[in-house]
C-alpha atoms as a PDB file:
ATOM      1  CA  MET A   1      21.769 -10.890   7.877  1.00  0.00           C
ATOM      2  CA  THR A   2      23.347 -11.894  11.659  1.00  0.00           C
ATOM      3  CA  ASP A   3      22.130 -12.974  13.957  1.00  0.00           C
ATOM      4  CA  ARG A   4      21.805  -9.967  16.232  1.00  0.00           C
ATOM      5  CA  ILE A   5      19.191  -8.492  12.951  1.00  0.00           C
ATOM      6  CA  ALA A   6      17.581 -11.602  12.449  1.00  0.00           C
ATOM      7  CA  LEU A   7      16.568 -10.843  15.990  1.00  0.00           C
ATOM      8  CA  VAL A   8      15.766  -7.039  16.227  1.00  0.00           C
ATOM      9  CA  LEU A   9      13.967  -7.763  12.927  1.00  0.00           C
ATOM     10  CA  ALA A  10      11.523  -9.574  14.422  1.00  0.00           C
ATOM     11  CA  LEU A  11      11.261  -8.287  17.748  1.00  0.00           C
ATOM     12  CA  ILE A  12       9.920  -4.973  16.130  1.00  0.00           C
ATOM     13  CA  ILE A  13       7.672  -6.878  13.649  1.00  0.00           C
ATOM     14  CA  ALA A  14       6.595  -9.213  17.303  1.00  0.00           C
ATOM     15  CA  ALA A  15       6.007  -5.375  18.281  1.00  0.00           C
ATOM     16  CA  ALA A  16       3.390  -4.119  16.290  1.00  0.00           C
ATOM     17  CA  VAL A  17       1.746  -6.994  16.218  1.00  0.00           C
ATOM     18  CA  ALA A  18       1.260  -7.186  19.960  1.00  0.00           C
ATOM     19  CA  TYR A  19       0.596  -3.175  19.747  1.00  0.00           C
ATOM     20  CA  ASP A  20      -2.461  -3.917  17.077  1.00  0.00           C
ATOM     21  CA  TYR A  21      -3.881  -6.551  18.742  1.00  0.00           C
ATOM     22  CA  PHE A  22      -4.198  -5.091  21.721  1.00  0.00           C
ATOM     23  CA  GLN A  23      -4.902  -1.113  20.460  1.00  0.00           C
ATOM     24  CA  ASN A  24      -7.211  -1.526  17.133  1.00  0.00           C
ATOM     25  CA  ASP A  25      -8.068  -5.974  18.163  1.00  0.00           C
ATOM     26  CA  GLY A  26      -6.685  -6.683  15.660  1.00  0.00           C
ATOM     27  CA  GLU A  27      -8.185  -5.083  13.041  1.00  0.00           C
ATOM     28  CA  VAL A  28      -5.075  -4.260  11.199  1.00  0.00           C
ATOM     29  CA  LEU A  29      -3.343  -7.188  10.757  1.00  0.00           C
ATOM     30  CA  LEU A  30      -7.063  -9.254   9.682  1.00  0.00           C
ATOM     31  CA  PHE A  31      -6.645  -6.152   7.003  1.00  0.00           C
ATOM     32  CA  LEU A  32      -3.177  -6.776   6.280  1.00  0.00           C
ATOM     33  CA  ALA A  33      -4.067 -10.181   5.733  1.00  0.00           C
ATOM     34  CA  ARG A  34      -7.168 -10.374   3.485  1.00  0.00           C
ATOM     35  CA  LYS A  35      -4.972  -7.881   0.911  1.00  0.00           C
ATOM     36  CA  ALA A  36      -2.450  -9.905   0.884  1.00  0.00           C
ATOM     37  CA  LEU A  37      -4.672 -13.233  -0.430  1.00  0.00           C
ATOM     38  CA  ASP A  38      -6.258 -10.984  -2.919  1.00  0.00           C
ATOM     39  CA  PHE A  39      -3.301  -9.816  -3.849  1.00  0.00           C
ATOM     40  CA  LEU A  40      -1.627 -14.118  -4.175  1.00  0.00           C
ATOM     41  CA  ASP A  41      -4.825 -14.507  -6.438  1.00  0.00           C
ATOM     42  CA  TYR A  42      -4.239 -11.818  -8.943  1.00  0.00           C
ATOM     43  CA  VAL A  43      -1.142 -13.140  -9.924  1.00  0.00           C
ATOM     44  CA  ILE A  44      -2.107 -16.390  -9.376  1.00  0.00           C
ATOM     45  CA  PHE A  45      -4.539 -14.863 -12.317  1.00  0.00           C
ATOM     46  CA  TRP A  46      -1.859 -13.861 -14.420  1.00  0.00           C
ATOM     47  CA  ARG A  47       0.852 -17.046 -14.131  1.00  0.00           C
END
């Protein structure tokens, strides 16, 4: 991955986080974090 692609991806992610924070008070990020932790618990269980 080139530096340019990494920078563009970082800007897109930062823009999505900022949009969610200002429009939805961060509810989508909190939802995704909870689902990621649930998935991690599921994966650890089957390890």
